[in-house]
């Protein structure tokens, strides 16, 4: 039997956390009864700088149940960094880690299948969405557009996979060697290259609360994913530049012929349109290049990904301060 760690990032999840804890407790009891996991398996709840009562609920769960452990981050660092903090903490105490959002919209029934695949020798098992009945129309549409855009940009990810996955301790150790500050785990983990497979994931509706993944955050994640794993935007800029050069040559020939034939000189509208077109293209190009320069700027600083304020873990010590690089 393996010792399993379930990592749940939590940001302002006070409405749903107790309900989720009930489901996770029942899941671990069932898996242990089936002799799929050991009795000392656990759930690690990572508080990502919540401003509500989330951390107090995590403390309460830790005090009343042997399953629940807690990590309190010093400030909000974002979903990807919170998952990383949880995985890097949990890997010291278990054989495999499963990451799942605290709202438990992902399919809990898929976890047993993930464990079975791990027992078959797979180091990474991805939960791939087969149904999005629990998602809003906006989330479904934006997600599908995002996955297609990734494919166009040449980013190698698992289609329709978010952050519901199992990773063996060996895979987690390898992941810890990646020192990127602009974390995009959906693109980073497939680069590890260890044996992997997939399970079906059927999304259900939230039982309480609301999604913290706003459109702004989804766009930020999309930009991080594209600029961290693809240089195609720069190639597209070069293509646009060549296209504009071709247009300018055609315009030069047209103006020259007009001059020779004493034809009317192009008027003010065409001049203004050209200025706006070229100006907009230049600004867009500078902006895209600036995104990559910004990434370099952040990477070379080598700042910590997160700071852990407190860890609740009876096996080691009740709580202590720790800074993670």
C-alpha atoms as a PDB file:
ATOM      1  CA  UNK A   1       0.000   0.000   0.000  1.00  0.00           C
ATOM      2  CA  UNK A   2       1.221   3.463  -0.810  1.00  0.00           C
ATOM      3  CA  UNK A   3       1.174   6.485   1.411  1.00  0.00           C
ATOM      4  CA  UNK A   4      -0.837   9.056  -0.527  1.00  0.00           C
ATOM      5  CA  UNK A   5      -0.776  12.805  -0.107  1.00  0.00           C
ATOM      6  CA  UNK A   6      -3.620  14.934  -1.508  1.00  0.00           C
ATOM      7  CA  UNK A   7      -2.645  18.581  -1.963  1.00  0.00           C
ATOM      8  CA  UNK A   8      -5.410  21.206  -2.102  1.00  0.00           C
ATOM      9  CA  UNK A   9      -4.606  24.894  -2.687  1.00  0.00           C
ATOM     10  CA  UNK A  10      -7.109  27.095  -0.830  1.00  0.00           C
ATOM     11  CA  UNK A  11      -7.879  30.757  -1.415  1.00  0.00           C
ATOM     12  CA  UNK A  12     -10.911  32.168   0.406  1.00  0.00           C
ATOM     13  CA  UNK A  13     -12.655  28.793   0.516  1.00  0.00           C
ATOM     14  CA  UNK A  14     -14.428  29.073   3.885  1.00  0.00           C
ATOM     15  CA  UNK A  15     -17.845  28.322   2.353  1.00  0.00           C
ATOM     16  CA  UNK A  16     -16.867  24.980   0.824  1.00  0.00           C
ATOM     17  CA  UNK A  17     -13.894  23.756   2.864  1.00  0.00           C
ATOM     18  CA  UNK A  18     -15.798  21.796   5.540  1.00  0.00           C
ATOM     19  CA  UNK A  19     -17.914  20.082   2.866  1.00  0.00           C
ATOM     20  CA  UNK A  20     -14.789  19.212   0.888  1.00  0.00           C
ATOM     21  CA  UNK A  21     -13.112  17.880   4.024  1.00  0.00           C
ATOM     22  CA  UNK A  22     -16.073  15.564   4.603  1.00  0.00           C
ATOM     23  CA  UNK A  23     -15.800  14.158   1.053  1.00  0.00           C
ATOM     24  CA  UNK A  24     -12.021  13.737   1.300  1.00  0.00           C
ATOM     25  CA  UNK A  25     -12.294  11.960   4.656  1.00  0.00           C
ATOM     26  CA  UNK A  26     -14.816   9.517   3.212  1.00  0.00           C
ATOM     27  CA  UNK A  27     -12.570   8.989   0.172  1.00  0.00           C
ATOM     28  CA  UNK A  28      -9.471   8.201   2.243  1.00  0.00           C
ATOM     29  CA  UNK A  29     -11.457   5.868   4.525  1.00  0.00           C
ATOM     30  CA  UNK A  30     -12.776   4.004   1.484  1.00  0.00           C
ATOM     31  CA  UNK A  31      -9.390   3.727  -0.206  1.00  0.00           C
ATOM     32  CA  UNK A  32      -7.814   2.467   3.016  1.00  0.00           C
ATOM     33  CA  UNK A  33     -10.600  -0.096   3.475  1.00  0.00           C
ATOM     34  CA  UNK A  34      -9.849  -1.348  -0.049  1.00  0.00           C
ATOM     35  CA  UNK A  35      -6.159  -1.536   0.917  1.00  0.00           C
ATOM     36  CA  UNK A  36      -5.227   0.912  -1.840  1.00  0.00           C
ATOM     37  CA  UNK A  37      -3.512   3.389   0.526  1.00  0.00           C
ATOM     38  CA  UNK A  38      -1.936   3.246   3.973  1.00  0.00           C
ATOM     39  CA  UNK A  39      -3.643   4.536   7.101  1.00  0.00           C
ATOM     40  CA  UNK A  40      -1.188   7.429   7.431  1.00  0.00           C
ATOM     41  CA  UNK A  41      -2.147   8.965   4.081  1.00  0.00           C
ATOM     42  CA  UNK A  42      -3.130  12.603   4.375  1.00  0.00           C
ATOM     43  CA  UNK A  43      -4.650  15.754   2.883  1.00  0.00           C
ATOM     44  CA  UNK A  44      -2.414  18.838   2.830  1.00  0.00           C
ATOM     45  CA  UNK A  45      -4.424  22.072   2.691  1.00  0.00           C
ATOM     46  CA  UNK A  46      -2.379  25.043   1.463  1.00  0.00           C
ATOM     47  CA  UNK A  47      -3.728  28.429   2.524  1.00  0.00           C
ATOM     48  CA  UNK A  48      -2.731  30.859  -0.214  1.00  0.00           C
ATOM     49  CA  UNK A  49      -2.953  34.088   1.789  1.00  0.00           C
ATOM     50  CA  UNK A  50      -6.731  33.913   2.249  1.00  0.00           C
ATOM     51  CA  UNK A  51      -8.438  36.978   3.713  1.00  0.00           C
ATOM     52  CA  UNK A  52     -11.380  35.016   5.164  1.00  0.00           C
ATOM     53  CA  UNK A  53     -11.587  32.249   7.790  1.00  0.00           C
ATOM     54  CA  UNK A  54      -9.895  29.580   5.636  1.00  0.00           C
ATOM     55  CA  UNK A  55      -6.768  29.166   7.787  1.00  0.00           C
ATOM     56  CA  UNK A  56      -8.768  28.847  11.027  1.00  0.00           C
ATOM     57  CA  UNK A  57     -10.845  26.096   9.410  1.00  0.00           C
ATOM     58  CA  UNK A  58      -7.644  24.312   8.337  1.00  0.00           C
ATOM     59  CA  UNK A  59      -6.341  24.523  11.914  1.00  0.00           C
ATOM     60  CA  UNK A  60      -9.628  23.110  13.186  1.00  0.00           C
ATOM     61  CA  UNK A  61      -9.500  20.217  10.718  1.00  0.00           C
ATOM     62  CA  UNK A  62      -5.914  19.464  11.700  1.00  0.00           C
ATOM     63  CA  UNK A  63      -6.856  19.361  15.388  1.00  0.00           C
ATOM     64  CA  UNK A  64      -9.882  17.115  14.905  1.00  0.00           C
ATOM     65  CA  UNK A  65      -8.736  14.698  12.179  1.00  0.00           C
ATOM     66  CA  UNK A  66      -5.456  12.788  11.700  1.00  0.00           C
ATOM     67  CA  UNK A  67      -5.855  13.094   7.929  1.00  0.00           C
ATOM     68  CA  UNK A  68      -5.520  16.854   7.630  1.00  0.00           C
ATOM     69  CA  UNK A  69      -2.268  18.816   7.548  1.00  0.00           C
ATOM     70  CA  UNK A  70      -1.846  22.500   6.829  1.00  0.00           C
ATOM     71  CA  UNK A  71       0.543  24.959   5.210  1.00  0.00           C
ATOM     72  CA  UNK A  72      -0.020  28.674   5.652  1.00  0.00           C
ATOM     73  CA  UNK A  73       1.710  30.842   3.059  1.00  0.00           C
ATOM     74  CA  UNK A  74       2.820  34.274   4.248  1.00  0.00           C
ATOM     75  CA  UNK A  75       0.944  36.006   1.407  1.00  0.00           C
ATOM     76  CA  UNK A  76      -1.099  35.263  -1.671  1.00  0.00           C
ATOM     77  CA  UNK A  77       1.260  33.927  -4.345  1.00  0.00           C
ATOM     78  CA  UNK A  78      -1.243  32.514  -6.837  1.00  0.00           C
ATOM     79  CA  UNK A  79      -2.667  29.101  -7.686  1.00  0.00           C
ATOM     80  CA  UNK A  80       0.401  27.619  -9.420  1.00  0.00           C
ATOM     81  CA  UNK A  81       2.836  28.633  -6.691  1.00  0.00           C
ATOM     82  CA  UNK A  82       0.484  27.390  -3.968  1.00  0.00           C
ATOM     83  CA  UNK A  83       0.320  23.975  -5.658  1.00  0.00           C
ATOM     84  CA  UNK A  84       4.106  23.915  -5.913  1.00  0.00           C
ATOM     85  CA  UNK A  85       4.465  24.793  -2.220  1.00  0.00           C
ATOM     86  CA  UNK A  86       2.108  21.961  -1.302  1.00  0.00           C
ATOM     87  CA  UNK A  87       3.801  19.383  -3.520  1.00  0.00           C
ATOM     88  CA  UNK A  88       7.305  20.249  -2.336  1.00  0.00           C
ATOM     89  CA  UNK A  89       6.171  20.015   1.293  1.00  0.00           C
ATOM     90  CA  UNK A  90       4.179  16.800   0.876  1.00  0.00           C
ATOM     91  CA  UNK A  91       6.808  14.897  -1.127  1.00  0.00           C
ATOM     92  CA  UNK A  92       8.905  14.380   2.008  1.00  0.00           C
ATOM     93  CA  UNK A  93       6.130  12.378   3.678  1.00  0.00           C
ATOM     94  CA  UNK A  94       4.505  10.240   0.968  1.00  0.00           C
ATOM     95  CA  UNK A  95       5.022   7.972  -2.036  1.00  0.00           C
ATOM     96  CA  UNK A  96       2.760   9.917  -4.404  1.00  0.00           C
ATOM     97  CA  UNK A  97       0.893  13.232  -4.450  1.00  0.00           C
ATOM     98  CA  UNK A  98      -2.450  14.080  -6.035  1.00  0.00           C
ATOM     99  CA  UNK A  99      -3.260  17.749  -6.586  1.00  0.00           C
ATOM    100  CA  UNK A 100      -6.891  18.854  -6.671  1.00  0.00           C
ATOM    101  CA  UNK A 101      -8.633  22.187  -6.101  1.00  0.00           C
ATOM    102  CA  UNK A 102     -10.373  22.675  -2.766  1.00  0.00           C
ATOM    103  CA  UNK A 103     -13.800  23.023  -4.391  1.00  0.00           C
ATOM    104  CA  UNK A 104     -13.562  19.355  -5.514  1.00  0.00           C
ATOM    105  CA  UNK A 105     -15.163  20.001  -8.891  1.00  0.00           C
ATOM    106  CA  UNK A 106     -12.827  17.361 -10.295  1.00  0.00           C
ATOM    107  CA  UNK A 107     -13.980  13.749 -10.200  1.00  0.00           C
ATOM    108  CA  UNK A 108     -13.056  12.103  -6.873  1.00  0.00           C
ATOM    109  CA  UNK A 109     -13.836   8.691  -8.383  1.00  0.00           C
ATOM    110  CA  UNK A 110     -10.842   9.156 -10.701  1.00  0.00           C
ATOM    111  CA  UNK A 111      -8.433   9.153  -7.736  1.00  0.00           C
ATOM    112  CA  UNK A 112      -8.714   5.384  -7.236  1.00  0.00           C
ATOM    113  CA  UNK A 113      -7.914   4.883 -10.934  1.00  0.00           C
ATOM    114  CA  UNK A 114      -4.898   7.161 -10.569  1.00  0.00           C
ATOM    115  CA  UNK A 115      -3.623   5.025  -7.687  1.00  0.00           C
ATOM    116  CA  UNK A 116      -4.126   1.862  -9.736  1.00  0.00           C
ATOM    117  CA  UNK A 117      -2.078   3.337 -12.584  1.00  0.00           C
ATOM    118  CA  UNK A 118       0.635   4.341 -10.108  1.00  0.00           C
ATOM    119  CA  UNK A 119       0.738   0.728  -8.898  1.00  0.00           C
ATOM    120  CA  UNK A 120       1.200  -0.322 -12.527  1.00  0.00           C
ATOM    121  CA  UNK A 121       4.376   1.750 -12.708  1.00  0.00           C
ATOM    122  CA  UNK A 122       3.223   5.136 -13.986  1.00  0.00           C
ATOM    123  CA  UNK A 123       4.936   8.169 -12.439  1.00  0.00           C
ATOM    124  CA  UNK A 124       2.427  10.763 -13.663  1.00  0.00           C
ATOM    125  CA  UNK A 125      -1.316  10.343 -14.158  1.00  0.00           C
ATOM    126  CA  UNK A 126      -3.258  13.237 -15.680  1.00  0.00           C
ATOM    127  CA  UNK A 127      -6.932  13.920 -15.060  1.00  0.00           C
ATOM    128  CA  UNK A 128      -8.345  14.873 -18.473  1.00  0.00           C
ATOM    129  CA  UNK A 129     -11.714  16.621 -18.586  1.00  0.00           C
ATOM    130  CA  UNK A 130     -14.332  14.640 -20.506  1.00  0.00           C
ATOM    131  CA  UNK A 131     -17.314  16.673 -19.355  1.00  0.00           C
ATOM    132  CA  UNK A 132     -17.646  20.284 -18.170  1.00  0.00           C
ATOM    133  CA  UNK A 133     -21.249  20.240 -16.993  1.00  0.00           C
ATOM    134  CA  UNK A 134     -20.266  22.015 -13.787  1.00  0.00           C
ATOM    135  CA  UNK A 135     -18.559  24.917 -15.585  1.00  0.00           C
ATOM    136  CA  UNK A 136     -20.219  28.103 -16.782  1.00  0.00           C
ATOM    137  CA  UNK A 137     -20.525  28.869 -20.502  1.00  0.00           C
ATOM    138  CA  UNK A 138     -17.832  31.560 -20.210  1.00  0.00           C
ATOM    139  CA  UNK A 139     -15.395  29.193 -18.491  1.00  0.00           C
ATOM    140  CA  UNK A 140     -16.031  26.423 -21.021  1.00  0.00           C
ATOM    141  CA  UNK A 141     -15.547  28.766 -23.981  1.00  0.00           C
ATOM    142  CA  UNK A 142     -12.430  30.471 -22.634  1.00  0.00           C
ATOM    143  CA  UNK A 143     -10.872  27.134 -21.633  1.00  0.00           C
ATOM    144  CA  UNK A 144     -11.382  25.596 -25.070  1.00  0.00           C
ATOM    145  CA  UNK A 145      -9.985  28.716 -26.757  1.00  0.00           C
ATOM    146  CA  UNK A 146      -6.986  28.584 -24.434  1.00  0.00           C
ATOM    147  CA  UNK A 147      -6.180  24.937 -25.203  1.00  0.00           C
ATOM    148  CA  UNK A 148      -6.459  25.550 -28.941  1.00  0.00           C
ATOM    149  CA  UNK A 149      -4.216  28.616 -28.684  1.00  0.00           C
ATOM    150  CA  UNK A 150      -1.610  26.565 -26.821  1.00  0.00           C
ATOM    151  CA  UNK A 151      -1.663  23.991 -29.602  1.00  0.00           C
ATOM    152  CA  UNK A 152      -1.241  26.693 -32.269  1.00  0.00           C
ATOM    153  CA  UNK A 153       1.689  28.156 -30.343  1.00  0.00           C
ATOM    154  CA  UNK A 154       3.400  24.753 -30.223  1.00  0.00           C
ATOM    155  CA  UNK A 155       3.171  24.301 -26.439  1.00  0.00           C
ATOM    156  CA  UNK A 156       3.258  20.616 -25.519  1.00  0.00           C
ATOM    157  CA  UNK A 157       0.555  20.125 -22.888  1.00  0.00           C
ATOM    158  CA  UNK A 158      -2.115  17.544 -22.167  1.00  0.00           C
ATOM    159  CA  UNK A 159      -5.280  18.690 -23.917  1.00  0.00           C
ATOM    160  CA  UNK A 160      -8.147  19.492 -21.523  1.00  0.00           C
ATOM    161  CA  UNK A 161      -5.966  18.888 -18.475  1.00  0.00           C
ATOM    162  CA  UNK A 162      -5.749  21.487 -15.697  1.00  0.00           C
ATOM    163  CA  UNK A 163      -4.022  20.704 -12.382  1.00  0.00           C
ATOM    164  CA  UNK A 164      -5.740  17.464 -11.326  1.00  0.00           C
ATOM    165  CA  UNK A 165      -2.953  14.886 -11.466  1.00  0.00           C
ATOM    166  CA  UNK A 166      -0.960  12.264  -9.604  1.00  0.00           C
ATOM    167  CA  UNK A 167       2.829  12.469  -9.375  1.00  0.00           C
ATOM    168  CA  UNK A 168       5.165   9.924  -7.849  1.00  0.00           C
ATOM    169  CA  UNK A 169       7.845  10.979  -5.402  1.00  0.00           C
ATOM    170  CA  UNK A 170      10.441  10.362  -8.109  1.00  0.00           C
ATOM    171  CA  UNK A 171       8.646  12.751 -10.475  1.00  0.00           C
ATOM    172  CA  UNK A 172       8.295  15.355  -7.720  1.00  0.00           C
ATOM    173  CA  UNK A 173      12.008  15.171  -6.974  1.00  0.00           C
ATOM    174  CA  UNK A 174      12.717  15.800 -10.636  1.00  0.00           C
ATOM    175  CA  UNK A 175      10.241  18.686 -10.711  1.00  0.00           C
ATOM    176  CA  UNK A 176      12.048  20.290  -7.768  1.00  0.00           C
ATOM    177  CA  UNK A 177      15.117  20.739 -10.003  1.00  0.00           C
ATOM    178  CA  UNK A 178      13.213  23.139 -12.270  1.00  0.00           C
ATOM    179  CA  UNK A 179      13.960  26.604 -10.937  1.00  0.00           C
ATOM    180  CA  UNK A 180      11.506  28.635 -13.000  1.00  0.00           C
ATOM    181  CA  UNK A 181       9.822  31.593 -11.310  1.00  0.00           C
ATOM    182  CA  UNK A 182       7.086  31.953 -13.936  1.00  0.00           C
ATOM    183  CA  UNK A 183       5.380  28.694 -13.047  1.00  0.00           C
ATOM    184  CA  UNK A 184       3.106  27.019 -15.540  1.00  0.00           C
ATOM    185  CA  UNK A 185       2.844  23.452 -14.253  1.00  0.00           C
ATOM    186  CA  UNK A 186       0.648  22.240 -17.123  1.00  0.00           C
ATOM    187  CA  UNK A 187       3.543  22.856 -19.498  1.00  0.00           C
ATOM    188  CA  UNK A 188       6.389  22.063 -17.100  1.00  0.00           C
ATOM    189  CA  UNK A 189       5.360  18.620 -15.853  1.00  0.00           C
ATOM    190  CA  UNK A 190       5.096  16.962 -19.316  1.00  0.00           C
ATOM    191  CA  UNK A 191       8.722  18.017 -19.850  1.00  0.00           C
ATOM    192  CA  UNK A 192       9.837  15.625 -17.081  1.00  0.00           C
ATOM    193  CA  UNK A 193       9.357  12.748 -19.497  1.00  0.00           C
ATOM    194  CA  UNK A 194       8.602   9.947 -17.041  1.00  0.00           C
ATOM    195  CA  UNK A 195       6.027   7.290 -17.871  1.00  0.00           C
ATOM    196  CA  UNK A 196       2.551   8.818 -17.841  1.00  0.00           C
ATOM    197  CA  UNK A 197      -1.072   8.038 -18.625  1.00  0.00           C
ATOM    198  CA  UNK A 198      -4.524   9.628 -18.326  1.00  0.00           C
ATOM    199  CA  UNK A 199      -7.844   9.099 -16.554  1.00  0.00           C
ATOM    200  CA  UNK A 200     -11.231  10.626 -17.353  1.00  0.00           C
ATOM    201  CA  UNK A 201     -12.282  13.621 -15.278  1.00  0.00           C
ATOM    202  CA  UNK A 202     -15.952  14.637 -15.138  1.00  0.00           C
ATOM    203  CA  UNK A 203     -16.373  18.160 -13.758  1.00  0.00           C
ATOM    204  CA  UNK A 204     -19.241  18.761 -11.341  1.00  0.00           C
ATOM    205  CA  UNK A 205     -20.753  21.939  -9.953  1.00  0.00           C
ATOM    206  CA  UNK A 206     -19.477  23.600  -6.806  1.00  0.00           C
ATOM    207  CA  UNK A 207     -21.370  22.736  -3.641  1.00  0.00           C
ATOM    208  CA  UNK A 208     -20.754  26.177  -2.139  1.00  0.00           C
ATOM    209  CA  UNK A 209     -18.829  29.387  -2.753  1.00  0.00           C
ATOM    210  CA  UNK A 210     -17.732  30.633  -6.145  1.00  0.00           C
ATOM    211  CA  UNK A 211     -14.744  30.182  -8.428  1.00  0.00           C
ATOM    212  CA  UNK A 212     -11.730  32.378  -7.652  1.00  0.00           C
ATOM    213  CA  UNK A 213     -10.390  31.954 -11.195  1.00  0.00           C
ATOM    214  CA  UNK A 214     -11.567  35.240 -12.714  1.00  0.00           C
ATOM    215  CA  UNK A 215     -11.221  36.093 -16.397  1.00  0.00           C
ATOM    216  CA  UNK A 216      -8.261  38.308 -15.481  1.00  0.00           C
ATOM    217  CA  UNK A 217      -6.484  35.412 -13.770  1.00  0.00           C
ATOM    218  CA  UNK A 218      -7.228  33.074 -16.682  1.00  0.00           C
ATOM    219  CA  UNK A 219      -5.758  35.578 -19.134  1.00  0.00           C
ATOM    220  CA  UNK A 220      -2.679  35.991 -16.919  1.00  0.00           C
ATOM    221  CA  UNK A 221      -2.246  32.191 -16.851  1.00  0.00           C
ATOM    222  CA  UNK A 222      -2.588  32.053 -20.639  1.00  0.00           C
ATOM    223  CA  UNK A 223       0.084  34.737 -21.092  1.00  0.00           C
ATOM    224  CA  UNK A 224       2.395  32.937 -18.651  1.00  0.00           C
ATOM    225  CA  UNK A 225       1.908  29.635 -20.457  1.00  0.00           C
ATOM    226  CA  UNK A 226       2.556  31.051 -23.928  1.00  0.00           C
ATOM    227  CA  UNK A 227       5.518  33.297 -23.076  1.00  0.00           C
ATOM    228  CA  UNK A 228       7.159  30.659 -20.843  1.00  0.00           C
ATOM    229  CA  UNK A 229       7.028  27.800 -23.357  1.00  0.00           C
ATOM    230  CA  UNK A 230       6.807  29.257 -26.844  1.00  0.00           C
ATOM    231  CA  UNK A 231       8.738  31.721 -28.999  1.00  0.00           C
ATOM    232  CA  UNK A 232       6.127  31.663 -31.765  1.00  0.00           C
ATOM    233  CA  UNK A 233       4.816  35.156 -30.905  1.00  0.00           C
ATOM    234  CA  UNK A 234       8.264  36.546 -31.807  1.00  0.00           C
ATOM    235  CA  UNK A 235       8.200  34.559 -35.046  1.00  0.00           C
ATOM    236  CA  UNK A 236       4.763  36.002 -35.811  1.00  0.00           C
ATOM    237  CA  UNK A 237       6.146  39.513 -35.294  1.00  0.00           C
ATOM    238  CA  UNK A 238       8.885  38.788 -37.828  1.00  0.00           C
ATOM    239  CA  UNK A 239       6.212  37.528 -40.243  1.00  0.00           C
ATOM    240  CA  UNK A 240       4.140  40.698 -39.725  1.00  0.00           C
ATOM    241  CA  UNK A 241       7.236  42.795 -40.332  1.00  0.00           C
ATOM    242  CA  UNK A 242       7.932  41.003 -43.617  1.00  0.00           C
ATOM    243  CA  UNK A 243       4.298  41.412 -44.648  1.00  0.00           C
ATOM    244  CA  UNK A 244       4.432  45.150 -43.911  1.00  0.00           C
ATOM    245  CA  UNK A 245       7.659  45.380 -45.908  1.00  0.00           C
ATOM    246  CA  UNK A 246       5.926  43.723 -48.857  1.00  0.00           C
ATOM    247  CA  UNK A 247       3.005  46.167 -48.588  1.00  0.00           C
ATOM    248  CA  UNK A 248       5.394  49.110 -48.423  1.00  0.00           C
ATOM    249  CA  UNK A 249       7.146  47.923 -51.625  1.00  0.00           C
ATOM    250  CA  UNK A 250       3.779  47.652 -53.388  1.00  0.00           C
ATOM    251  CA  UNK A 251       2.850  51.148 -52.166  1.00  0.00           C
ATOM    252  CA  UNK A 252       6.204  52.496 -53.372  1.00  0.00           C
ATOM    253  CA  UNK A 253       5.579  51.076 -56.855  1.00  0.00           C
ATOM    254  CA  UNK A 254       2.053  52.542 -56.844  1.00  0.00           C
ATOM    255  CA  UNK A 255       3.285  56.016 -55.806  1.00  0.00           C
ATOM    256  CA  UNK A 256       6.109  55.910 -58.359  1.00  0.00           C
ATOM    257  CA  UNK A 257       3.697  54.965 -61.172  1.00  0.00           C
ATOM    258  CA  UNK A 258       1.295  57.692 -60.059  1.00  0.00           C
ATOM    259  CA  UNK A 259       4.118  60.239 -60.163  1.00  0.00           C
ATOM    260  CA  UNK A 260       5.259  59.192 -63.630  1.00  0.00           C
ATOM    261  CA  UNK A 261       1.704  59.163 -65.000  1.00  0.00           C
ATOM    262  CA  UNK A 262       0.908  62.484 -63.246  1.00  0.00           C
ATOM    263  CA  UNK A 263      -1.851  60.721 -61.385  1.00  0.00           C
ATOM    264  CA  UNK A 264      -3.510  62.198 -58.286  1.00  0.00           C
ATOM    265  CA  UNK A 265      -1.399  62.129 -55.104  1.00  0.00           C
ATOM    266  CA  UNK A 266      -2.871  59.865 -52.398  1.00  0.00           C
ATOM    267  CA  UNK A 267      -4.721  61.979 -49.868  1.00  0.00           C
ATOM    268  CA  UNK A 268      -4.755  62.481 -46.176  1.00  0.00           C
ATOM    269  CA  UNK A 269      -6.927  59.412 -45.285  1.00  0.00           C
ATOM    270  CA  UNK A 270      -4.461  56.944 -46.753  1.00  0.00           C
ATOM    271  CA  UNK A 271      -1.577  58.652 -44.948  1.00  0.00           C
ATOM    272  CA  UNK A 272      -3.363  58.570 -41.616  1.00  0.00           C
ATOM    273  CA  UNK A 273      -4.403  54.941 -42.041  1.00  0.00           C
ATOM    274  CA  UNK A 274      -0.819  53.984 -42.793  1.00  0.00           C
ATOM    275  CA  UNK A 275       0.493  55.853 -39.776  1.00  0.00           C
ATOM    276  CA  UNK A 276      -2.021  54.245 -37.452  1.00  0.00           C
ATOM    277  CA  UNK A 277      -1.435  50.779 -38.888  1.00  0.00           C
ATOM    278  CA  UNK A 278       2.332  50.936 -38.617  1.00  0.00           C
ATOM    279  CA  UNK A 279       2.190  52.645 -35.230  1.00  0.00           C
ATOM    280  CA  UNK A 280      -0.160  50.022 -33.817  1.00  0.00           C
ATOM    281  CA  UNK A 281       1.933  47.185 -35.206  1.00  0.00           C
ATOM    282  CA  UNK A 282       5.093  48.652 -33.669  1.00  0.00           C
ATOM    283  CA  UNK A 283       3.458  49.088 -30.275  1.00  0.00           C
ATOM    284  CA  UNK A 284       2.115  45.527 -30.374  1.00  0.00           C
ATOM    285  CA  UNK A 285       5.544  44.189 -31.326  1.00  0.00           C
ATOM    286  CA  UNK A 286       7.269  46.120 -28.557  1.00  0.00           C
ATOM    287  CA  UNK A 287       4.669  44.843 -26.087  1.00  0.00           C
ATOM    288  CA  UNK A 288       5.207  41.178 -27.003  1.00  0.00           C
ATOM    289  CA  UNK A 289       8.991  41.520 -26.882  1.00  0.00           C
ATOM    290  CA  UNK A 290       8.589  43.319 -23.567  1.00  0.00           C
ATOM    291  CA  UNK A 291       6.753  40.289 -22.165  1.00  0.00           C
ATOM    292  CA  UNK A 292       9.784  38.109 -22.840  1.00  0.00           C
ATOM    293  CA  UNK A 293      12.191  40.688 -21.430  1.00  0.00           C
ATOM    294  CA  UNK A 294       9.977  40.874 -18.347  1.00  0.00           C
ATOM    295  CA  UNK A 295      10.218  37.099 -17.937  1.00  0.00           C
ATOM    296  CA  UNK A 296      14.014  37.287 -18.119  1.00  0.00           C
ATOM    297  CA  UNK A 297      13.982  40.115 -15.582  1.00  0.00           C
ATOM    298  CA  UNK A 298      11.978  38.014 -13.115  1.00  0.00           C
ATOM    299  CA  UNK A 299      13.976  34.819 -13.665  1.00  0.00           C
ATOM    300  CA  UNK A 300      17.400  36.362 -13.040  1.00  0.00           C
ATOM    301  CA  UNK A 301      16.330  37.710  -9.630  1.00  0.00           C
ATOM    302  CA  UNK A 302      16.023  34.161  -8.194  1.00  0.00           C
ATOM    303  CA  UNK A 303      13.480  35.247  -5.623  1.00  0.00           C
ATOM    304  CA  UNK A 304      11.719  32.577  -3.494  1.00  0.00           C
ATOM    305  CA  UNK A 305       8.614  31.121  -5.096  1.00  0.00           C
ATOM    306  CA  UNK A 306       6.770  31.320  -1.785  1.00  0.00           C
ATOM    307  CA  UNK A 307       7.315  31.877   1.939  1.00  0.00           C
ATOM    308  CA  UNK A 308       5.765  29.430   4.383  1.00  0.00           C
ATOM    309  CA  UNK A 309       4.631  31.068   7.590  1.00  0.00           C
ATOM    310  CA  UNK A 310       3.448  27.946   9.402  1.00  0.00           C
ATOM    311  CA  UNK A 311       3.199  24.197   8.919  1.00  0.00           C
ATOM    312  CA  UNK A 312       0.772  21.981  10.811  1.00  0.00           C
ATOM    313  CA  UNK A 313       2.264  18.489  10.876  1.00  0.00           C
ATOM    314  CA  UNK A 314       2.212  16.308  13.988  1.00  0.00           C
ATOM    315  CA  UNK A 315       4.772  13.816  12.670  1.00  0.00           C
ATOM    316  CA  UNK A 316       7.524  16.397  12.509  1.00  0.00           C
ATOM    317  CA  UNK A 317       6.537  19.163  14.891  1.00  0.00           C
ATOM    318  CA  UNK A 318       3.341  21.070  15.384  1.00  0.00           C
ATOM    319  CA  UNK A 319       4.442  24.224  13.614  1.00  0.00           C
ATOM    320  CA  UNK A 320       7.557  26.005  12.516  1.00  0.00           C
ATOM    321  CA  UNK A 321       8.688  28.803  10.255  1.00  0.00           C
ATOM    322  CA  UNK A 322      10.269  27.986   6.933  1.00  0.00           C
ATOM    323  CA  UNK A 323      11.314  29.790   3.778  1.00  0.00           C
ATOM    324  CA  UNK A 324      11.333  27.830   0.513  1.00  0.00           C
ATOM    325  CA  UNK A 325      13.502  28.742  -2.420  1.00  0.00           C
END
